[in-house]
Amino acid sequence: MMDAIATAALKSWRSLQGVLAVLTEEQVEQMLKHEMENSRRSMIVVRLHQRLSALRDARERKDIMIKMGVIEQ
């Protein structure tokens, strides 16, 4: 279930853009699932997927660097 911030963010493109940078990977994933199942606005789905991909990339890159010993956890 989405939290209040995620729910409010999906009200409009402007509200989404205003908070997208501070949402967690989990929140964005929940929002993407909700949007695909309910409102089905293609531009919102694309933007959420873009952000989710960026968050996953950053997490995976950090994990790789930790495994290599380049950075500490």
C-alpha atoms as a PDB file:
ATOM      1  CA  MET A   1       0.000   0.000   0.000  1.00  0.00           C
ATOM      2  CA  MET A   2       1.259   3.456  -0.881  1.00  0.00           C
ATOM      3  CA  ASP A   3       1.954   6.059   1.767  1.00  0.00           C
ATOM      4  CA  ALA A   4       0.444   9.550   1.819  1.00  0.00           C
ATOM      5  CA  ILE A   5       3.386  11.158   0.014  1.00  0.00           C
ATOM      6  CA  ALA A   6       3.260   8.651  -2.843  1.00  0.00           C
ATOM      7  CA  THR A   7      -0.516   8.972  -3.118  1.00  0.00           C
ATOM      8  CA  ALA A   8      -0.330  12.771  -3.248  1.00  0.00           C
ATOM      9  CA  ALA A   9       2.494  12.631  -5.796  1.00  0.00           C
ATOM     10  CA  LEU A  10       0.318  10.740  -8.280  1.00  0.00           C
ATOM     11  CA  LYS A  11      -2.343  13.450  -8.323  1.00  0.00           C
ATOM     12  CA  SER A  12      -0.602  15.387 -11.128  1.00  0.00           C
ATOM     13  CA  TRP A  13       2.563  15.589 -13.196  1.00  0.00           C
ATOM     14  CA  ARG A  14       3.668  18.681 -11.261  1.00  0.00           C
ATOM     15  CA  SER A  15       3.211  17.020  -7.868  1.00  0.00           C
ATOM     16  CA  LEU A  16       5.080  13.932  -9.086  1.00  0.00           C
ATOM     17  CA  GLN A  17       8.022  15.970 -10.317  1.00  0.00           C
ATOM     18  CA  GLY A  18       8.084  17.896  -7.041  1.00  0.00           C
ATOM     19  CA  VAL A  19       8.772  14.845  -4.878  1.00  0.00           C
ATOM     20  CA  LEU A  20      10.241  12.220  -7.192  1.00  0.00           C
ATOM     21  CA  ALA A  21      13.842  12.989  -6.197  1.00  0.00           C
ATOM     22  CA  VAL A  22      13.215  12.218  -2.522  1.00  0.00           C
ATOM     23  CA  LEU A  23      11.182   9.021  -2.860  1.00  0.00           C
ATOM     24  CA  THR A  24      12.701   5.666  -1.995  1.00  0.00           C
ATOM     25  CA  GLU A  25      13.083   2.774  -4.392  1.00  0.00           C
ATOM     26  CA  GLU A  26      10.275   0.957  -2.590  1.00  0.00           C
ATOM     27  CA  GLN A  27       7.919   3.944  -2.841  1.00  0.00           C
ATOM     28  CA  VAL A  28       8.590   4.394  -6.556  1.00  0.00           C
ATOM     29  CA  GLU A  29       8.077   0.681  -7.179  1.00  0.00           C
ATOM     30  CA  GLN A  30       4.724   0.787  -5.360  1.00  0.00           C
ATOM     31  CA  MET A  31       3.686   3.879  -7.292  1.00  0.00           C
ATOM     32  CA  LEU A  32       4.625   2.281 -10.612  1.00  0.00           C
ATOM     33  CA  LYS A  33       2.601  -0.824  -9.808  1.00  0.00           C
ATOM     34  CA  HIS A  34      -0.368   1.295  -8.690  1.00  0.00           C
ATOM     35  CA  GLU A  35      -0.249   3.480 -11.799  1.00  0.00           C
ATOM     36  CA  MET A  36      -0.035   0.476 -14.130  1.00  0.00           C
ATOM     37  CA  GLU A  37      -3.021  -1.189 -12.466  1.00  0.00           C
ATOM     38  CA  ASN A  38      -5.214   1.883 -12.017  1.00  0.00           C
ATOM     39  CA  SER A  39      -4.830   5.198 -13.841  1.00  0.00           C
ATOM     40  CA  ARG A  40      -2.612   3.780 -16.604  1.00  0.00           C
ATOM     41  CA  ARG A  41      -1.149   7.159 -17.652  1.00  0.00           C
ATOM     42  CA  SER A  42       1.689   6.224 -19.969  1.00  0.00           C
ATOM     43  CA  MET A  43       3.842   9.319 -19.361  1.00  0.00           C
ATOM     44  CA  ILE A  44       3.615   8.842 -15.586  1.00  0.00           C
ATOM     45  CA  VAL A  45       4.505   5.146 -15.959  1.00  0.00           C
ATOM     46  CA  VAL A  46       7.523   6.013 -18.122  1.00  0.00           C
ATOM     47  CA  ARG A  47       8.749   8.660 -15.652  1.00  0.00           C
ATOM     48  CA  LEU A  48       8.331   6.344 -12.665  1.00  0.00           C
ATOM     49  CA  HIS A  49      10.183   3.583 -14.510  1.00  0.00           C
ATOM     50  CA  GLN A  50      13.011   5.980 -15.355  1.00  0.00           C
ATOM     51  CA  ARG A  51      13.363   6.971 -11.708  1.00  0.00           C
ATOM     52  CA  LEU A  52      13.119   3.377 -10.501  1.00  0.00           C
ATOM     53  CA  SER A  53      15.862   2.360 -12.934  1.00  0.00           C
ATOM     54  CA  ALA A  54      18.114   5.173 -11.713  1.00  0.00           C
ATOM     55  CA  LEU A  55      17.572   4.190  -8.068  1.00  0.00           C
ATOM     56  CA  ARG A  56      18.281   0.521  -8.810  1.00  0.00           C
ATOM     57  CA  ASP A  57      21.423   1.419 -10.761  1.00  0.00           C
ATOM     58  CA  ALA A  58      22.733   3.514  -7.873  1.00  0.00           C
ATOM     59  CA  ARG A  59      22.021   0.752  -5.326  1.00  0.00           C
ATOM     60  CA  GLU A  60      23.594  -1.947  -7.483  1.00  0.00           C
ATOM     61  CA  ARG A  61      26.650   0.200  -8.237  1.00  0.00           C
ATOM     62  CA  LYS A  62      27.142   0.865  -4.529  1.00  0.00           C
ATOM     63  CA  ASP A  63      26.867  -2.877  -3.794  1.00  0.00           C
ATOM     64  CA  ILE A  64      29.516  -3.614  -6.430  1.00  0.00           C
ATOM     65  CA  MET A  65      31.872  -1.003  -4.999  1.00  0.00           C
ATOM     66  CA  ILE A  66      31.402  -2.424  -1.493  1.00  0.00           C
ATOM     67  CA  LYS A  67      32.155  -5.953  -2.720  1.00  0.00           C
ATOM     68  CA  MET A  68      35.293  -4.671  -4.427  1.00  0.00           C
ATOM     69  CA  GLY A  69      36.369  -2.897  -1.246  1.00  0.00           C
ATOM     70  CA  VAL A  70      36.420   0.486  -2.955  1.00  0.00           C
ATOM     71  CA  ILE A  71      33.957   1.954  -0.469  1.00  0.00           C
ATOM     72  CA  GLU A  72      32.795   0.915   2.958  1.00  0.00           C
ATOM     73  CA  GLN A  73      29.250   0.019   3.817  1.00  0.00           C
END
